[in-house]
């Protein structure tokens, strides 16, 4: 997972999604639900290996301005934890809280793995 720290980096990632789908994970290290979702995501990424779409991490406590910019530009209410699949500059799928599980990630991201 690559950390996103600035709005400029987000804009670059958003542009890159026009070429290849990617995942943005908004995480709060102060939240046990977010920690559980992070664990589910990292387990899925480990199993998917290099076939998984690129994944970007936003630490929402440290980067509140960035988190707000993502919510505004994506048109998706901010939640934490939150997973956003970005394709062609738009959110094609998202989940938050207990909806971020290994199986839901596999259901929604598995078909985006490079073959």
PDB file of N, CA and C in Angstrom:
ATOM      1  N   UNK A   1       0.845  -1.177   0.000  1.00  0.00           N
ATOM      2  CA  UNK A   1       0.000   0.000   0.000  1.00  0.00           C
ATOM      3  C   UNK A   1       0.886   1.234   0.000  1.00  0.00           C
ATOM      4  N   UNK A   2       0.496   2.185  -0.794  1.00  0.00           N
ATOM      5  CA  UNK A   2       1.224   3.444  -0.879  1.00  0.00           C
ATOM      6  C   UNK A   2       0.439   4.516  -0.134  1.00  0.00           C
ATOM      7  N   UNK A   3       1.111   5.280   0.700  1.00  0.00           N
ATOM      8  CA  UNK A   3       0.437   6.349   1.447  1.00  0.00           C
ATOM      9  C   UNK A   3       0.146   7.545   0.556  1.00  0.00           C
ATOM     10  N   UNK A   4      -1.049   8.093   0.724  1.00  0.00           N
ATOM     11  CA  UNK A   4      -1.413   9.373   0.098  1.00  0.00           C
ATOM     12  C   UNK A   4      -1.405  10.417   1.199  1.00  0.00           C
ATOM     13  N   UNK A   5      -0.690  11.517   0.968  1.00  0.00           N
ATOM     14  CA  UNK A   5      -0.558  12.535   2.000  1.00  0.00           C
ATOM     15  C   UNK A   5      -1.025  13.917   1.567  1.00  0.00           C
ATOM     16  N   UNK A   6      -1.205  14.135   0.270  1.00  0.00           N
ATOM     17  CA  UNK A   6      -1.561  15.472  -0.206  1.00  0.00           C
ATOM     18  C   UNK A   6      -2.690  15.397  -1.237  1.00  0.00           C
ATOM     19  N   UNK A   7      -3.375  16.509  -1.408  1.00  0.00           N
ATOM     20  CA  UNK A   7      -4.416  16.605  -2.418  1.00  0.00           C
ATOM     21  C   UNK A   7      -3.797  16.448  -3.809  1.00  0.00           C
ATOM     22  N   UNK A   8      -2.600  16.962  -4.003  1.00  0.00           N
ATOM     23  CA  UNK A   8      -1.924  16.810  -5.299  1.00  0.00           C
ATOM     24  C   UNK A   8      -1.700  15.327  -5.619  1.00  0.00           C
ATOM     25  N   UNK A   9      -1.254  14.550  -4.641  1.00  0.00           N
ATOM     26  CA  UNK A   9      -1.076  13.107  -4.861  1.00  0.00           C
ATOM     27  C   UNK A   9      -2.414  12.454  -5.205  1.00  0.00           C
ATOM     28  N   UNK A  10      -3.477  12.833  -4.517  1.00  0.00           N
ATOM     29  CA  UNK A  10      -4.809  12.308  -4.806  1.00  0.00           C
ATOM     30  C   UNK A  10      -5.202  12.608  -6.245  1.00  0.00           C
ATOM     31  N   UNK A  11      -4.973  13.841  -6.694  1.00  0.00           N
ATOM     32  CA  UNK A  11      -5.316  14.203  -8.065  1.00  0.00           C
ATOM     33  C   UNK A  11      -4.542  13.361  -9.079  1.00  0.00           C
ATOM     34  N   UNK A  12      -3.285  13.054  -8.768  1.00  0.00           N
ATOM     35  CA  UNK A  12      -2.480  12.194  -9.646  1.00  0.00           C
ATOM     36  C   UNK A  12      -3.035  10.768  -9.671  1.00  0.00           C
ATOM     37  N   UNK A  13      -3.437  10.257  -8.512  1.00  0.00           N
ATOM     38  CA  UNK A  13      -4.020   8.921  -8.418  1.00  0.00           C
ATOM     39  C   UNK A  13      -5.343   8.885  -9.178  1.00  0.00           C
ATOM     40  N   UNK A  14      -6.150   9.911  -9.004  1.00  0.00           N
ATOM     41  CA  UNK A  14      -7.434   9.981  -9.705  1.00  0.00           C
ATOM     42  C   UNK A  14      -7.220   9.941 -11.214  1.00  0.00           C
ATOM     43  N   UNK A  15      -6.235  10.676 -11.709  1.00  0.00           N
ATOM     44  CA  UNK A  15      -5.909  10.647 -13.145  1.00  0.00           C
ATOM     45  C   UNK A  15      -5.423   9.269 -13.572  1.00  0.00           C
ATOM     46  N   UNK A  16      -4.604   8.636 -12.749  1.00  0.00           N
ATOM     47  CA  UNK A  16      -4.074   7.310 -13.074  1.00  0.00           C
ATOM     48  C   UNK A  16      -5.180   6.261 -13.171  1.00  0.00           C
ATOM     49  N   UNK A  17      -6.289   6.485 -12.475  1.00  0.00           N
ATOM     50  CA  UNK A  17      -7.394   5.521 -12.505  1.00  0.00           C
ATOM     51  C   UNK A  17      -8.068   5.458 -13.873  1.00  0.00           C
ATOM     52  N   UNK A  18      -7.770   6.408 -14.725  1.00  0.00           N
ATOM     53  CA  UNK A  18      -8.323   6.380 -16.090  1.00  0.00           C
ATOM     54  C   UNK A  18      -7.634   5.296 -16.923  1.00  0.00           C
ATOM     55  N   UNK A  19      -6.443   4.886 -16.494  1.00  0.00           N
ATOM     56  CA  UNK A  19      -5.684   3.844 -17.187  1.00  0.00           C
ATOM     57  C   UNK A  19      -5.888   2.484 -16.514  1.00  0.00           C
ATOM     58  N   UNK A  20      -5.939   2.489 -15.181  1.00  0.00           N
ATOM     59  CA  UNK A  20      -5.989   1.237 -14.424  1.00  0.00           C
ATOM     60  C   UNK A  20      -6.798   1.459 -13.139  1.00  0.00           C
ATOM     61  N   UNK A  21      -7.742   0.556 -12.819  1.00  0.00           N
ATOM     62  CA  UNK A  21      -8.497   0.683 -11.564  1.00  0.00           C
ATOM     63  C   UNK A  21      -7.557   0.656 -10.362  1.00  0.00           C
ATOM     64  N   UNK A  22      -7.957   1.334  -9.300  1.00  0.00           N
ATOM     65  CA  UNK A  22      -7.157   1.356  -8.085  1.00  0.00           C
ATOM     66  C   UNK A  22      -8.057   1.471  -6.874  1.00  0.00           C
ATOM     67  N   UNK A  23      -7.500   1.180  -5.733  1.00  0.00           N
ATOM     68  CA  UNK A  23      -8.242   1.199  -4.482  1.00  0.00           C
ATOM     69  C   UNK A  23      -7.657   2.247  -3.552  1.00  0.00           C
ATOM     70  N   UNK A  24      -8.537   3.018  -2.918  1.00  0.00           N
ATOM     71  CA  UNK A  24      -8.140   3.961  -1.876  1.00  0.00           C
ATOM     72  C   UNK A  24      -8.780   3.479  -0.577  1.00  0.00           C
ATOM     73  N   UNK A  25      -7.968   3.354   0.458  1.00  0.00           N
ATOM     74  CA  UNK A  25      -8.463   2.937   1.772  1.00  0.00           C
ATOM     75  C   UNK A  25      -8.247   4.068   2.757  1.00  0.00           C
ATOM     76  N   UNK A  26      -9.349   4.578   3.305  1.00  0.00           N
ATOM     77  CA  UNK A  26      -9.294   5.631   4.319  1.00  0.00           C
ATOM     78  C   UNK A  26      -9.342   4.967   5.691  1.00  0.00           C
ATOM     79  N   UNK A  27      -8.333   5.243   6.498  1.00  0.00           N
ATOM     80  CA  UNK A  27      -8.103   4.506   7.747  1.00  0.00           C
ATOM     81  C   UNK A  27      -7.866   5.458   8.907  1.00  0.00           C
ATOM     82  N   UNK A  28      -8.431   5.103  10.053  1.00  0.00           N
ATOM     83  CA  UNK A  28      -8.154   5.831  11.294  1.00  0.00           C
ATOM     84  C   UNK A  28      -7.491   4.884  12.275  1.00  0.00           C
ATOM     85  N   UNK A  29      -6.282   5.211  12.667  1.00  0.00           N
ATOM     86  CA  UNK A  29      -5.553   4.368  13.620  1.00  0.00           C
ATOM     87  C   UNK A  29      -6.153   4.454  15.027  1.00  0.00           C
ATOM     88  N   UNK A  30      -7.101   5.356  15.233  1.00  0.00           N
ATOM     89  CA  UNK A  30      -7.747   5.517  16.540  1.00  0.00           C
ATOM     90  C   UNK A  30      -9.033   4.696  16.669  1.00  0.00           C
ATOM     91  N   UNK A  31      -9.366   3.934  15.642  1.00  0.00           N
ATOM     92  CA  UNK A  31     -10.656   3.242  15.597  1.00  0.00           C
ATOM     93  C   UNK A  31     -10.452   1.743  15.458  1.00  0.00           C
ATOM     94  N   UNK A  32     -11.039   0.967  16.367  1.00  0.00           N
ATOM     95  CA  UNK A  32     -10.874  -0.485  16.314  1.00  0.00           C
ATOM     96  C   UNK A  32     -11.570  -1.098  15.095  1.00  0.00           C
ATOM     97  N   UNK A  33     -12.671  -0.523  14.659  1.00  0.00           N
ATOM     98  CA  UNK A  33     -13.345  -1.024  13.460  1.00  0.00           C
ATOM     99  C   UNK A  33     -12.435  -0.821  12.252  1.00  0.00           C
ATOM    100  N   UNK A  34     -11.784   0.338  12.196  1.00  0.00           N
ATOM    101  CA  UNK A  34     -10.865   0.617  11.103  1.00  0.00           C
ATOM    102  C   UNK A  34      -9.677  -0.347  11.128  1.00  0.00           C
ATOM    103  N   UNK A  35      -9.191  -0.655  12.305  1.00  0.00           N
ATOM    104  CA  UNK A  35      -8.091  -1.611  12.422  1.00  0.00           C
ATOM    105  C   UNK A  35      -8.510  -2.981  11.901  1.00  0.00           C
ATOM    106  N   UNK A  36      -9.730  -3.404  12.211  1.00  0.00           N
ATOM    107  CA  UNK A  36     -10.227  -4.675  11.696  1.00  0.00           C
ATOM    108  C   UNK A  36     -10.342  -4.676  10.180  1.00  0.00           C
ATOM    109  N   UNK A  37     -10.857  -3.582   9.625  1.00  0.00           N
ATOM    110  CA  UNK A  37     -10.977  -3.471   8.166  1.00  0.00           C
ATOM    111  C   UNK A  37      -9.599  -3.451   7.520  1.00  0.00           C
ATOM    112  N   UNK A  38      -8.657  -2.765   8.134  1.00  0.00           N
ATOM    113  CA  UNK A  38      -7.281  -2.721   7.634  1.00  0.00           C
ATOM    114  C   UNK A  38      -6.693  -4.136   7.596  1.00  0.00           C
ATOM    115  N   UNK A  39      -6.943  -4.902   8.649  1.00  0.00           N
ATOM    116  CA  UNK A  39      -6.438  -6.279   8.698  1.00  0.00           C
ATOM    117  C   UNK A  39      -7.056  -7.132   7.584  1.00  0.00           C
ATOM    118  N   UNK A  40      -8.356  -6.970   7.342  1.00  0.00           N
ATOM    119  CA  UNK A  40      -9.021  -7.699   6.261  1.00  0.00           C
ATOM    120  C   UNK A  40      -8.405  -7.318   4.912  1.00  0.00           C
ATOM    121  N   UNK A  41      -8.201  -6.021   4.704  1.00  0.00           N
ATOM    122  CA  UNK A  41      -7.627  -5.537   3.445  1.00  0.00           C
ATOM    123  C   UNK A  41      -6.206  -6.056   3.254  1.00  0.00           C
ATOM    124  N   UNK A  42      -5.385  -5.955   4.276  1.00  0.00           N
ATOM    125  CA  UNK A  42      -4.001  -6.398   4.112  1.00  0.00           C
ATOM    126  C   UNK A  42      -3.927  -7.900   3.868  1.00  0.00           C
ATOM    127  N   UNK A  43      -4.816  -8.676   4.487  1.00  0.00           N
ATOM    128  CA  UNK A  43      -4.847 -10.122   4.223  1.00  0.00           C
ATOM    129  C   UNK A  43      -5.231 -10.378   2.769  1.00  0.00           C
ATOM    130  N   UNK A  44      -6.238  -9.645   2.268  1.00  0.00           N
ATOM    131  CA  UNK A  44      -6.645  -9.830   0.873  1.00  0.00           C
ATOM    132  C   UNK A  44      -5.517  -9.423  -0.077  1.00  0.00           C
ATOM    133  N   UNK A  45      -4.879  -8.292   0.200  1.00  0.00           N
ATOM    134  CA  UNK A  45      -3.778  -7.834  -0.657  1.00  0.00           C
ATOM    135  C   UNK A  45      -2.631  -8.837  -0.661  1.00  0.00           C
ATOM    136  N   UNK A  46      -2.338  -9.401   0.500  1.00  0.00           N
ATOM    137  CA  UNK A  46      -1.258 -10.390   0.582  1.00  0.00           C
ATOM    138  C   UNK A  46      -1.574 -11.609  -0.278  1.00  0.00           C
ATOM    139  N   UNK A  47      -2.810 -12.077  -0.219  1.00  0.00           N
ATOM    140  CA  UNK A  47      -3.198 -13.242  -1.013  1.00  0.00           C
ATOM    141  C   UNK A  47      -3.251 -12.915  -2.507  1.00  0.00           C
ATOM    142  N   UNK A  48      -3.704 -11.721  -2.855  1.00  0.00           N
ATOM    143  CA  UNK A  48      -3.784 -11.321  -4.266  1.00  0.00           C
ATOM    144  C   UNK A  48      -2.396 -11.040  -4.836  1.00  0.00           C
ATOM    145  N   UNK A  49      -1.485 -10.637  -3.974  1.00  0.00           N
ATOM    146  CA  UNK A  49      -0.115 -10.363  -4.403  1.00  0.00           C
ATOM    147  C   UNK A  49      -0.044  -9.253  -5.441  1.00  0.00           C
ATOM    148  N   UNK A  50       0.844  -9.421  -6.377  1.00  0.00           N
ATOM    149  CA  UNK A  50       1.069  -8.396  -7.401  1.00  0.00           C
ATOM    150  C   UNK A  50      -0.077  -8.303  -8.394  1.00  0.00           C
ATOM    151  N   UNK A  51      -1.038  -9.219  -8.312  1.00  0.00           N
ATOM    152  CA  UNK A  51      -2.181  -9.181  -9.215  1.00  0.00           C
ATOM    153  C   UNK A  51      -3.228  -8.152  -8.782  1.00  0.00           C
ATOM    154  N   UNK A  52      -3.158  -7.722  -7.516  1.00  0.00           N
ATOM    155  CA  UNK A  52      -4.165  -6.787  -7.004  1.00  0.00           C
ATOM    156  C   UNK A  52      -4.034  -5.415  -7.662  1.00  0.00           C
ATOM    157  N   UNK A  53      -5.144  -4.668  -7.696  1.00  0.00           N
ATOM    158  CA  UNK A  53      -5.031  -3.297  -8.192  1.00  0.00           C
ATOM    159  C   UNK A  53      -4.157  -2.484  -7.235  1.00  0.00           C
ATOM    160  N   UNK A  54      -3.537  -1.418  -7.712  1.00  0.00           N
ATOM    161  CA  UNK A  54      -2.759  -0.573  -6.812  1.00  0.00           C
ATOM    162  C   UNK A  54      -3.643  -0.086  -5.660  1.00  0.00           C
ATOM    163  N   UNK A  55      -3.082  -0.037  -4.462  1.00  0.00           N
ATOM    164  CA  UNK A  55      -3.838   0.354  -3.276  1.00  0.00           C
ATOM    165  C   UNK A  55      -3.142   1.523  -2.586  1.00  0.00           C
ATOM    166  N   UNK A  56      -3.937   2.509  -2.211  1.00  0.00           N
ATOM    167  CA  UNK A  56      -3.429   3.727  -1.590  1.00  0.00           C
ATOM    168  C   UNK A  56      -4.098   3.918  -0.236  1.00  0.00           C
ATOM    169  N   UNK A  57      -3.308   4.293   0.763  1.00  0.00           N
ATOM    170  CA  UNK A  57      -3.758   4.453   2.137  1.00  0.00           C
ATOM    171  C   UNK A  57      -3.807   5.929   2.505  1.00  0.00           C
ATOM    172  N   UNK A  58      -4.931   6.341   3.079  1.00  0.00           N
ATOM    173  CA  UNK A  58      -5.076   7.696   3.612  1.00  0.00           C
ATOM    174  C   UNK A  58      -5.305   7.574   5.108  1.00  0.00           C
ATOM    175  N   UNK A  59      -4.383   8.093   5.887  1.00  0.00           N
ATOM    176  CA  UNK A  59      -4.540   8.152   7.344  1.00  0.00           C
ATOM    177  C   UNK A  59      -5.377   9.391   7.637  1.00  0.00           C
ATOM    178  N   UNK A  60      -6.668   9.184   7.936  1.00  0.00           N
ATOM    179  CA  UNK A  60      -7.600  10.311   8.008  1.00  0.00           C
ATOM    180  C   UNK A  60      -7.319  11.254   9.175  1.00  0.00           C
ATOM    181  N   UNK A  61      -6.796  10.759  10.269  1.00  0.00           N
ATOM    182  CA  UNK A  61      -6.494  11.624  11.412  1.00  0.00           C
ATOM    183  C   UNK A  61      -5.386  12.611  11.049  1.00  0.00           C
ATOM    184  N   UNK A  62      -4.386  12.129  10.335  1.00  0.00           N
ATOM    185  CA  UNK A  62      -3.240  12.964   9.972  1.00  0.00           C
ATOM    186  C   UNK A  62      -3.493  13.815   8.738  1.00  0.00           C
ATOM    187  N   UNK A  63      -4.453  13.426   7.913  1.00  0.00           N
ATOM    188  CA  UNK A  63      -4.663  14.104   6.623  1.00  0.00           C
ATOM    189  C   UNK A  63      -6.148  14.399   6.401  1.00  0.00           C
ATOM    190  N   UNK A  64      -6.704  15.206   7.300  1.00  0.00           N
ATOM    191  CA  UNK A  64      -8.131  15.514   7.237  1.00  0.00           C
ATOM    192  C   UNK A  64      -8.504  16.305   5.989  1.00  0.00           C
ATOM    193  N   UNK A  65      -7.663  17.238   5.587  1.00  0.00           N
ATOM    194  CA  UNK A  65      -7.947  18.026   4.382  1.00  0.00           C
ATOM    195  C   UNK A  65      -8.011  17.110   3.156  1.00  0.00           C
ATOM    196  N   UNK A  66      -7.089  16.184   3.058  1.00  0.00           N
ATOM    197  CA  UNK A  66      -7.069  15.226   1.956  1.00  0.00           C
ATOM    198  C   UNK A  66      -8.321  14.353   1.985  1.00  0.00           C
ATOM    199  N   UNK A  67      -8.681  13.874   3.153  1.00  0.00           N
ATOM    200  CA  UNK A  67      -9.859  13.028   3.285  1.00  0.00           C
ATOM    201  C   UNK A  67     -11.115  13.771   2.834  1.00  0.00           C
ATOM    202  N   UNK A  68     -11.239  15.034   3.211  1.00  0.00           N
ATOM    203  CA  UNK A  68     -12.391  15.844   2.777  1.00  0.00           C
ATOM    204  C   UNK A  68     -12.377  16.049   1.270  1.00  0.00           C
ATOM    205  N   UNK A  69     -11.203  16.293   0.699  1.00  0.00           N
ATOM    206  CA  UNK A  69     -11.091  16.500  -0.758  1.00  0.00           C
ATOM    207  C   UNK A  69     -11.514  15.245  -1.515  1.00  0.00           C
ATOM    208  N   UNK A  70     -11.117  14.082  -1.023  1.00  0.00           N
ATOM    209  CA  UNK A  70     -11.505  12.830  -1.673  1.00  0.00           C
ATOM    210  C   UNK A  70     -13.017  12.664  -1.626  1.00  0.00           C
ATOM    211  N   UNK A  71     -13.604  12.894  -0.468  1.00  0.00           N
ATOM    212  CA  UNK A  71     -15.061  12.765  -0.334  1.00  0.00           C
ATOM    213  C   UNK A  71     -15.775  13.730  -1.276  1.00  0.00           C
ATOM    214  N   UNK A  72     -15.303  14.948  -1.327  1.00  0.00           N
ATOM    215  CA  UNK A  72     -15.937  15.952  -2.181  1.00  0.00           C
ATOM    216  C   UNK A  72     -15.803  15.603  -3.661  1.00  0.00           C
ATOM    217  N   UNK A  73     -14.594  15.281  -4.096  1.00  0.00           N
ATOM    218  CA  UNK A  73     -14.368  14.985  -5.511  1.00  0.00           C
ATOM    219  C   UNK A  73     -15.016  13.670  -5.936  1.00  0.00           C
ATOM    220  N   UNK A  74     -15.058  12.700  -5.029  1.00  0.00           N
ATOM    221  CA  UNK A  74     -15.632  11.401  -5.356  1.00  0.00           C
ATOM    222  C   UNK A  74     -17.158  11.414  -5.244  1.00  0.00           C
ATOM    223  N   UNK A  75     -17.684  12.396  -4.524  1.00  0.00           N
ATOM    224  CA  UNK A  75     -19.126  12.460  -4.326  1.00  0.00           C
ATOM    225  C   UNK A  75     -19.636  11.383  -3.382  1.00  0.00           C
ATOM    226  N   UNK A  76     -18.760  10.904  -2.501  1.00  0.00           N
ATOM    227  CA  UNK A  76     -19.101   9.859  -1.541  1.00  0.00           C
ATOM    228  C   UNK A  76     -18.860  10.414  -0.139  1.00  0.00           C
ATOM    229  N   UNK A  77     -19.880  10.338   0.713  1.00  0.00           N
ATOM    230  CA  UNK A  77     -19.760  10.814   2.090  1.00  0.00           C
ATOM    231  C   UNK A  77     -18.549  10.174   2.771  1.00  0.00           C
ATOM    232  N   UNK A  78     -17.773  10.987   3.482  1.00  0.00           N
ATOM    233  CA  UNK A  78     -16.607  10.468   4.200  1.00  0.00           C
ATOM    234  C   UNK A  78     -17.044   9.525   5.314  1.00  0.00           C
ATOM    235  N   UNK A  79     -16.380   8.397   5.364  1.00  0.00           N
ATOM    236  CA  UNK A  79     -16.505   7.471   6.478  1.00  0.00           C
ATOM    237  C   UNK A  79     -15.128   6.885   6.721  1.00  0.00           C
ATOM    238  N   UNK A  80     -14.954   6.346   7.906  1.00  0.00           N
ATOM    239  CA  UNK A  80     -13.681   5.721   8.218  1.00  0.00           C
ATOM    240  C   UNK A  80     -13.953   4.547   9.147  1.00  0.00           C
ATOM    241  N   UNK A  81     -13.539   3.373   8.719  1.00  0.00           N
ATOM    242  CA  UNK A  81     -12.777   3.055   7.520  1.00  0.00           C
ATOM    243  C   UNK A  81     -13.666   3.111   6.277  1.00  0.00           C
ATOM    244  N   UNK A  82     -13.009   3.273   5.163  1.00  0.00           N
ATOM    245  CA  UNK A  82     -13.727   3.331   3.890  1.00  0.00           C
ATOM    246  C   UNK A  82     -12.813   2.843   2.777  1.00  0.00           C
ATOM    247  N   UNK A  83     -13.363   1.988   1.919  1.00  0.00           N
ATOM    248  CA  UNK A  83     -12.645   1.491   0.743  1.00  0.00           C
ATOM    249  C   UNK A  83     -13.354   2.033  -0.483  1.00  0.00           C
ATOM    250  N   UNK A  84     -12.582   2.598  -1.407  1.00  0.00           N
ATOM    251  CA  UNK A  84     -13.122   3.177  -2.636  1.00  0.00           C
ATOM    252  C   UNK A  84     -12.400   2.579  -3.834  1.00  0.00           C
ATOM    253  N   UNK A  85     -13.121   1.890  -4.692  1.00  0.00           N
ATOM    254  CA  UNK A  85     -12.556   1.415  -5.945  1.00  0.00           C
ATOM    255  C   UNK A  85     -12.773   2.524  -6.967  1.00  0.00           C
ATOM    256  N   UNK A  86     -11.678   3.019  -7.540  1.00  0.00           N
ATOM    257  CA  UNK A  86     -11.730   4.134  -8.481  1.00  0.00           C
ATOM    258  C   UNK A  86     -11.397   3.615  -9.875  1.00  0.00           C
ATOM    259  N   UNK A  87     -12.300   3.881 -10.813  1.00  0.00           N
ATOM    260  CA  UNK A  87     -12.099   3.501 -12.216  1.00  0.00           C
ATOM    261  C   UNK A  87     -12.515   4.676 -13.092  1.00  0.00           C
ATOM    262  N   UNK A  88     -11.676   4.989 -14.061  1.00  0.00           N
ATOM    263  CA  UNK A  88     -11.989   6.077 -14.995  1.00  0.00           C
ATOM    264  C   UNK A  88     -12.346   7.372 -14.282  1.00  0.00           C
ATOM    265  N   UNK A  89     -11.651   7.649 -13.179  1.00  0.00           N
ATOM    266  CA  UNK A  89     -11.847   8.890 -12.450  1.00  0.00           C
ATOM    267  C   UNK A  89     -13.097   8.940 -11.592  1.00  0.00           C
ATOM    268  N   UNK A  90     -13.764   7.796 -11.412  1.00  0.00           N
ATOM    269  CA  UNK A  90     -15.003   7.761 -10.639  1.00  0.00           C
ATOM    270  C   UNK A  90     -15.015   6.563  -9.690  1.00  0.00           C
ATOM    271  N   UNK A  91     -15.775   6.687  -8.616  1.00  0.00           N
ATOM    272  CA  UNK A  91     -15.935   5.568  -7.690  1.00  0.00           C
ATOM    273  C   UNK A  91     -16.903   4.561  -8.312  1.00  0.00           C
ATOM    274  N   UNK A  92     -16.435   3.335  -8.512  1.00  0.00           N
ATOM    275  CA  UNK A  92     -17.295   2.294  -9.073  1.00  0.00           C
ATOM    276  C   UNK A  92     -17.846   1.368  -7.986  1.00  0.00           C
ATOM    277  N   UNK A  93     -17.210   1.374  -6.815  1.00  0.00           N
ATOM    278  CA  UNK A  93     -17.674   0.585  -5.669  1.00  0.00           C
ATOM    279  C   UNK A  93     -17.066   1.190  -4.424  1.00  0.00           C
ATOM    280  N   UNK A  94     -17.810   1.117  -3.336  1.00  0.00           N
ATOM    281  CA  UNK A  94     -17.254   1.555  -2.055  1.00  0.00           C
ATOM    282  C   UNK A  94     -17.926   0.796  -0.925  1.00  0.00           C
ATOM    283  N   UNK A  95     -17.223   0.711   0.173  1.00  0.00           N
ATOM    284  CA  UNK A  95     -17.740   0.066   1.381  1.00  0.00           C
ATOM    285  C   UNK A  95     -17.130   0.768   2.580  1.00  0.00           C
ATOM    286  N   UNK A  96     -17.799   0.631   3.709  1.00  0.00           N
ATOM    287  CA  UNK A  96     -17.256   1.228   4.924  1.00  0.00           C
ATOM    288  C   UNK A  96     -17.523   0.310   6.112  1.00  0.00           C
ATOM    289  N   UNK A  97     -16.841   0.602   7.174  1.00  0.00           N
ATOM    290  CA  UNK A  97     -16.991  -0.082   8.449  1.00  0.00           C
ATOM    291  C   UNK A  97     -16.963  -1.599   8.300  1.00  0.00           C
ATOM    292  N   UNK A  98     -18.010  -2.281   8.806  1.00  0.00           N
ATOM    293  CA  UNK A  98     -18.024  -3.749   8.816  1.00  0.00           C
ATOM    294  C   UNK A  98     -18.266  -4.324   7.428  1.00  0.00           C
ATOM    295  N   UNK A  99     -18.515  -3.476   6.448  1.00  0.00           N
ATOM    296  CA  UNK A  99     -18.683  -3.932   5.066  1.00  0.00           C
ATOM    297  C   UNK A  99     -17.359  -4.207   4.373  1.00  0.00           C
ATOM    298  N   UNK A 100     -16.263  -3.902   5.036  1.00  0.00           N
ATOM    299  CA  UNK A 100     -14.940  -4.153   4.463  1.00  0.00           C
ATOM    300  C   UNK A 100     -14.417  -5.454   5.061  1.00  0.00           C
ATOM    301  N   UNK A 101     -14.666  -6.535   4.342  1.00  0.00           N
ATOM    302  CA  UNK A 101     -14.214  -7.860   4.774  1.00  0.00           C
ATOM    303  C   UNK A 101     -13.435  -8.509   3.638  1.00  0.00           C
ATOM    304  N   UNK A 102     -12.720  -9.528   3.971  1.00  0.00           N
ATOM    305  CA  UNK A 102     -11.957 -10.265   2.960  1.00  0.00           C
ATOM    306  C   UNK A 102     -12.878 -10.686   1.823  1.00  0.00           C
ATOM    307  N   UNK A 103     -14.030 -11.254   2.170  1.00  0.00           N
ATOM    308  CA  UNK A 103     -14.927 -11.774   1.127  1.00  0.00           C
ATOM    309  C   UNK A 103     -15.533 -10.659   0.275  1.00  0.00           C
ATOM    310  N   UNK A 104     -15.908  -9.527   0.875  1.00  0.00           N
ATOM    311  CA  UNK A 104     -16.456  -8.445   0.041  1.00  0.00           C
ATOM    312  C   UNK A 104     -15.363  -7.833  -0.831  1.00  0.00           C
ATOM    313  N   UNK A 105     -14.170  -7.733  -0.306  1.00  0.00           N
ATOM    314  CA  UNK A 105     -13.063  -7.239  -1.121  1.00  0.00           C
ATOM    315  C   UNK A 105     -12.814  -8.187  -2.290  1.00  0.00           C
ATOM    316  N   UNK A 106     -12.824  -9.478  -2.014  1.00  0.00           N
ATOM    317  CA  UNK A 106     -12.586 -10.451  -3.082  1.00  0.00           C
ATOM    318  C   UNK A 106     -13.705 -10.407  -4.122  1.00  0.00           C
ATOM    319  N   UNK A 107     -14.934 -10.268  -3.654  1.00  0.00           N
ATOM    320  CA  UNK A 107     -16.072 -10.181  -4.582  1.00  0.00           C
ATOM    321  C   UNK A 107     -15.964  -8.977  -5.517  1.00  0.00           C
ATOM    322  N   UNK A 108     -15.516  -7.836  -4.975  1.00  0.00           N
ATOM    323  CA  UNK A 108     -15.520  -6.597  -5.744  1.00  0.00           C
ATOM    324  C   UNK A 108     -14.184  -6.256  -6.398  1.00  0.00           C
ATOM    325  N   UNK A 109     -13.099  -6.792  -5.862  1.00  0.00           N
ATOM    326  CA  UNK A 109     -11.784  -6.461  -6.406  1.00  0.00           C
ATOM    327  C   UNK A 109     -11.161  -7.618  -7.179  1.00  0.00           C
ATOM    328  N   UNK A 110     -11.603  -8.821  -6.908  1.00  0.00           N
ATOM    329  CA  UNK A 110     -11.013 -10.000  -7.527  1.00  0.00           C
ATOM    330  C   UNK A 110     -11.021  -9.941  -9.031  1.00  0.00           C
ATOM    331  N   UNK A 111     -12.094  -9.408  -9.614  1.00  0.00           N
ATOM    332  CA  UNK A 111     -12.158  -9.312 -11.081  1.00  0.00           C
ATOM    333  C   UNK A 111     -11.304  -8.171 -11.631  1.00  0.00           C
ATOM    334  N   UNK A 112     -10.704  -7.375 -10.741  1.00  0.00           N
ATOM    335  CA  UNK A 112      -9.808  -6.310 -11.187  1.00  0.00           C
ATOM    336  C   UNK A 112      -8.340  -6.707 -11.073  1.00  0.00           C
ATOM    337  N   UNK A 113      -8.120  -7.937 -10.645  1.00  0.00           N
ATOM    338  CA  UNK A 113      -6.748  -8.446 -10.571  1.00  0.00           C
ATOM    339  C   UNK A 113      -6.252  -8.710 -11.985  1.00  0.00           C
ATOM    340  N   UNK A 114      -5.025  -8.327 -12.239  1.00  0.00           N
ATOM    341  CA  UNK A 114      -4.430  -8.567 -13.561  1.00  0.00           C
ATOM    342  C   UNK A 114      -4.231 -10.065 -13.731  1.00  0.00           C
ATOM    343  N   UNK A 115      -4.538 -10.551 -14.893  1.00  0.00           N
ATOM    344  CA  UNK A 115      -4.360 -11.982 -15.174  1.00  0.00           C
ATOM    345  C   UNK A 115      -3.048 -12.209 -15.891  1.00  0.00           C
TER     346      UNK A 115
END
